[in-house]
Each structure stands twice: as structure tokens, then as C-alpha cells.
N, C-alpha and C. Protein backbone atom coordinates (compact mmCIF):
# COMPACT_ATOMS: atom_id res chain seq x y z
N UNK A 1 0.85 -1.17 0.00
CA UNK A 1 0.00 0.00 0.00
C UNK A 1 0.89 1.23 0.00
N UNK A 2 0.59 2.20 -0.81
CA UNK A 2 1.42 3.39 -0.89
C UNK A 2 1.03 4.39 0.20
N UNK A 3 1.92 5.37 0.44
CA UNK A 3 1.61 6.40 1.42
C UNK A 3 0.37 7.17 1.02
N UNK A 4 0.21 7.43 -0.27
CA UNK A 4 -0.96 8.17 -0.73
C UNK A 4 -2.24 7.40 -0.44
N UNK A 5 -2.25 6.09 -0.69
CA UNK A 5 -3.44 5.29 -0.41
C UNK A 5 -3.73 5.30 1.08
N UNK A 6 -2.71 5.18 1.90
CA UNK A 6 -2.90 5.19 3.35
C UNK A 6 -3.50 6.51 3.79
N UNK A 7 -2.98 7.62 3.27
CA UNK A 7 -3.48 8.94 3.64
C UNK A 7 -4.92 9.11 3.20
N UNK A 8 -5.26 8.68 2.01
CA UNK A 8 -6.60 8.86 1.50
C UNK A 8 -7.62 8.04 2.27
N UNK A 9 -7.24 6.89 2.79
CA UNK A 9 -8.19 6.05 3.49
C UNK A 9 -8.17 6.27 5.00
N UNK A 10 -7.33 7.18 5.48
CA UNK A 10 -7.20 7.43 6.91
C UNK A 10 -8.46 8.11 7.47
N UNK A 11 -8.73 7.83 8.74
CA UNK A 11 -9.86 8.45 9.41
C UNK A 11 -9.61 9.92 9.69
N UNK A 12 -8.35 10.30 9.85
CA UNK A 12 -7.99 11.66 10.21
C UNK A 12 -6.87 12.15 9.30
N UNK A 13 -6.73 13.48 9.19
CA UNK A 13 -5.59 14.00 8.42
C UNK A 13 -4.28 13.64 9.11
N UNK A 14 -3.23 13.54 8.32
CA UNK A 14 -1.91 13.17 8.85
C UNK A 14 -1.09 14.41 9.17
N UNK A 15 -0.26 14.28 10.18
CA UNK A 15 0.70 15.33 10.52
C UNK A 15 1.74 15.38 9.40
N UNK A 16 2.30 16.55 9.19
CA UNK A 16 3.30 16.67 8.13
C UNK A 16 4.51 17.44 8.65
N UNK A 17 5.56 17.41 7.86
CA UNK A 17 6.78 18.10 8.25
C UNK A 17 7.38 17.48 9.49
N UNK A 18 7.82 18.33 10.39
CA UNK A 18 8.44 17.85 11.64
C UNK A 18 7.43 17.57 12.74
N UNK A 19 6.19 17.90 12.50
CA UNK A 19 5.15 17.70 13.50
C UNK A 19 4.80 16.22 13.58
N UNK A 20 4.75 15.71 14.78
CA UNK A 20 4.36 14.32 14.98
C UNK A 20 2.87 14.24 15.28
N UNK A 21 2.30 13.07 15.05
CA UNK A 21 0.90 12.85 15.33
C UNK A 21 0.72 11.52 16.04
N UNK A 22 -0.51 11.25 16.40
CA UNK A 22 -0.80 10.00 17.10
C UNK A 22 -0.62 8.80 16.17
N UNK A 23 -0.08 7.72 16.70
CA UNK A 23 0.14 6.52 15.90
C UNK A 23 -1.21 5.99 15.42
N UNK A 24 -1.42 5.95 14.10
CA UNK A 24 -2.73 5.59 13.54
C UNK A 24 -3.29 4.26 14.01
N UNK A 25 -2.49 3.22 14.09
CA UNK A 25 -3.02 1.91 14.48
C UNK A 25 -3.58 1.95 15.90
N UNK A 26 -2.91 2.66 16.79
CA UNK A 26 -3.40 2.76 18.17
C UNK A 26 -4.73 3.52 18.22
N UNK A 27 -4.82 4.61 17.47
CA UNK A 27 -6.06 5.39 17.42
C UNK A 27 -7.17 4.55 16.82
N UNK A 28 -6.90 3.90 15.70
CA UNK A 28 -7.93 3.08 15.04
C UNK A 28 -8.43 1.97 15.95
N UNK A 29 -7.51 1.31 16.64
CA UNK A 29 -7.89 0.23 17.55
C UNK A 29 -8.76 0.74 18.70
N UNK A 30 -8.35 1.88 19.28
CA UNK A 30 -9.12 2.44 20.39
C UNK A 30 -10.51 2.88 19.92
N UNK A 31 -10.57 3.52 18.76
CA UNK A 31 -11.87 3.97 18.25
C UNK A 31 -12.79 2.80 17.93
N UNK A 32 -12.24 1.69 17.51
CA UNK A 32 -13.08 0.50 17.27
C UNK A 32 -13.68 0.02 18.58
N UNK A 33 -12.88 0.02 19.65
CA UNK A 33 -13.40 -0.36 20.97
C UNK A 33 -14.43 0.64 21.47
N UNK A 34 -14.17 1.92 21.25
CA UNK A 34 -15.11 2.96 21.68
C UNK A 34 -16.43 2.85 20.92
N UNK A 35 -16.35 2.57 19.64
CA UNK A 35 -17.57 2.40 18.83
C UNK A 35 -18.37 1.21 19.33
N UNK A 36 -17.70 0.12 19.65
CA UNK A 36 -18.38 -1.06 20.17
C UNK A 36 -19.07 -0.73 21.50
N UNK A 37 -18.40 0.06 22.34
CA UNK A 37 -18.98 0.44 23.63
C UNK A 37 -20.21 1.32 23.45
N UNK A 38 -20.17 2.17 22.45
CA UNK A 38 -21.31 3.04 22.20
C UNK A 38 -22.50 2.23 21.68
N UNK A 39 -22.22 1.28 20.80
CA UNK A 39 -23.29 0.47 20.20
C UNK A 39 -23.87 -0.54 21.19
N UNK A 40 -23.04 -1.06 22.08
CA UNK A 40 -23.50 -2.04 23.07
C UNK A 40 -22.73 -1.82 24.37
N UNK A 41 -23.24 -0.95 25.24
CA UNK A 41 -22.52 -0.60 26.47
C UNK A 41 -22.14 -1.80 27.35
N UNK A 42 -22.89 -2.87 27.28
CA UNK A 42 -22.58 -4.03 28.12
C UNK A 42 -21.45 -4.88 27.55
N UNK A 43 -21.07 -4.65 26.31
CA UNK A 43 -20.09 -5.52 25.65
C UNK A 43 -18.68 -4.95 25.61
N UNK A 44 -18.48 -3.73 26.06
CA UNK A 44 -17.16 -3.14 25.91
C UNK A 44 -16.73 -2.42 27.19
N UNK A 45 -15.44 -2.12 27.26
CA UNK A 45 -14.86 -1.54 28.46
C UNK A 45 -14.46 -0.07 28.30
N UNK A 46 -15.03 0.63 27.35
CA UNK A 46 -14.66 2.01 27.11
C UNK A 46 -15.81 2.92 27.53
N UNK A 47 -15.52 3.82 28.47
CA UNK A 47 -16.50 4.81 28.88
C UNK A 47 -15.90 6.20 28.66
N UNK A 48 -16.66 7.23 28.99
CA UNK A 48 -16.17 8.59 28.77
C UNK A 48 -14.87 8.84 29.52
N UNK A 49 -14.73 8.29 30.71
CA UNK A 49 -13.50 8.46 31.48
C UNK A 49 -12.29 7.88 30.76
N UNK A 50 -12.46 6.71 30.17
CA UNK A 50 -11.37 6.08 29.42
C UNK A 50 -11.00 6.91 28.20
N UNK A 51 -11.99 7.49 27.55
CA UNK A 51 -11.73 8.32 26.37
C UNK A 51 -10.98 9.58 26.77
N UNK A 52 -11.36 10.16 27.89
CA UNK A 52 -10.71 11.40 28.35
C UNK A 52 -9.27 11.18 28.79
N UNK A 53 -8.91 9.98 29.18
CA UNK A 53 -7.55 9.74 29.69
C UNK A 53 -6.67 8.92 28.76
N UNK A 54 -7.18 8.52 27.61
CA UNK A 54 -6.37 7.72 26.69
C UNK A 54 -5.17 8.53 26.20
N UNK A 55 -4.06 7.86 26.00
CA UNK A 55 -2.85 8.48 25.47
C UNK A 55 -2.32 7.62 24.33
N UNK A 56 -1.87 8.26 23.29
CA UNK A 56 -1.33 7.56 22.12
C UNK A 56 0.11 7.99 21.89
N UNK A 57 0.96 7.07 21.44
CA UNK A 57 2.34 7.44 21.10
C UNK A 57 2.35 8.42 19.92
N UNK A 58 3.34 9.31 19.93
CA UNK A 58 3.51 10.26 18.83
C UNK A 58 4.53 9.71 17.85
N UNK A 59 4.20 9.78 16.56
CA UNK A 59 5.08 9.28 15.49
C UNK A 59 5.04 10.23 14.29
N UNK A 60 6.03 10.12 13.44
CA UNK A 60 6.01 10.87 12.19
C UNK A 60 4.83 10.43 11.34
N UNK A 61 4.19 11.37 10.70
CA UNK A 61 3.06 11.12 9.80
C UNK A 61 1.88 10.44 10.50
N UNK A 62 1.79 10.63 11.80
CA UNK A 62 0.65 10.10 12.54
C UNK A 62 -0.58 10.97 12.30
N UNK A 63 -1.67 10.59 12.91
CA UNK A 63 -2.89 11.40 12.80
C UNK A 63 -2.69 12.73 13.53
N UNK A 64 -3.21 13.80 12.94
CA UNK A 64 -3.10 15.11 13.57
C UNK A 64 -3.76 15.09 14.95
N UNK A 65 -3.03 15.55 15.93
CA UNK A 65 -3.46 15.50 17.31
C UNK A 65 -4.79 16.24 17.51
N UNK A 66 -4.90 17.44 16.97
CA UNK A 66 -6.11 18.23 17.16
C UNK A 66 -7.35 17.57 16.60
N UNK A 67 -7.21 16.92 15.45
CA UNK A 67 -8.36 16.25 14.83
C UNK A 67 -8.81 15.06 15.66
N UNK A 68 -7.86 14.28 16.15
CA UNK A 68 -8.21 13.12 16.98
C UNK A 68 -8.82 13.58 18.30
N UNK A 69 -8.19 14.57 18.93
CA UNK A 69 -8.71 15.07 20.21
C UNK A 69 -10.12 15.62 20.07
N UNK A 70 -10.40 16.31 18.98
CA UNK A 70 -11.75 16.84 18.75
C UNK A 70 -12.76 15.71 18.61
N UNK A 71 -12.39 14.66 17.90
CA UNK A 71 -13.29 13.52 17.73
C UNK A 71 -13.53 12.81 19.07
N UNK A 72 -12.48 12.66 19.86
CA UNK A 72 -12.63 12.03 21.16
C UNK A 72 -13.50 12.87 22.09
N UNK A 73 -13.34 14.19 22.03
CA UNK A 73 -14.17 15.07 22.84
C UNK A 73 -15.63 14.95 22.43
N UNK A 74 -15.87 14.89 21.12
CA UNK A 74 -17.25 14.70 20.64
C UNK A 74 -17.84 13.38 21.10
N UNK A 75 -17.02 12.34 21.09
CA UNK A 75 -17.49 11.03 21.57
C UNK A 75 -17.87 11.12 23.05
N UNK A 76 -17.03 11.78 23.86
CA UNK A 76 -17.33 11.92 25.29
C UNK A 76 -18.64 12.66 25.50
N UNK A 77 -18.84 13.73 24.78
CA UNK A 77 -20.07 14.51 24.90
C UNK A 77 -21.27 13.66 24.55
N UNK A 78 -21.19 12.92 23.47
CA UNK A 78 -22.28 12.05 23.03
C UNK A 78 -22.51 10.92 24.04
N UNK A 79 -21.45 10.31 24.49
CA UNK A 79 -21.55 9.19 25.45
C UNK A 79 -22.19 9.66 26.76
N UNK A 80 -21.79 10.81 27.25
CA UNK A 80 -22.34 11.34 28.49
C UNK A 80 -23.82 11.72 28.32
N UNK A 81 -24.18 12.20 27.14
CA UNK A 81 -25.56 12.61 26.88
C UNK A 81 -26.51 11.40 26.77
N UNK A 82 -25.95 10.29 26.30
CA UNK A 82 -26.80 9.10 26.09
C UNK A 82 -26.68 8.08 27.21
N UNK A 83 -25.79 8.35 28.14
CA UNK A 83 -25.67 7.45 29.29
C UNK A 83 -24.62 6.49 29.06
């Protein structure tokens, strides 16, 4: 898979230049668990507290930190509103 294909299929924009971003695989894995928790709260271990405290390693060409953080904040707001 080329870098261009990876970028085009990514959930979030990638960091560029010297700026590091969150490691995509870690973010993708966590978001899959968070989605499962939202769809079936009894089947997963991710709650708003876990989303607020999650930390991801920083790497070159990772997901832009601001974009991921905004999505996680939106998830927390939605999760808290729906229980």
C-alpha cells in the first residue's frame, strides 16, 4: 500500500513536516473499541473516562493531534448525553 493510499483512506488527516501525530493503528484500535462500547454498552470496556484519559504514542506522519482530540471530545459529549 502506498503512502498516498494510506493517507486517502485514513480516518484523520496526517501530521506533516516535523510535526508528529498520534500513531494511527493505536487510534484506530481504540476507536473500534469505543464504537463497540457506544453500540453495546454491556459488551465493551470504554466509557467517557477512558476516552478522556487515553494516550497515544507520537510518530512521524501520525494522525493530527487536534483532529483526533476533537473527535474524542465529541465522543465523550455524546456518550455522556446518552448514558
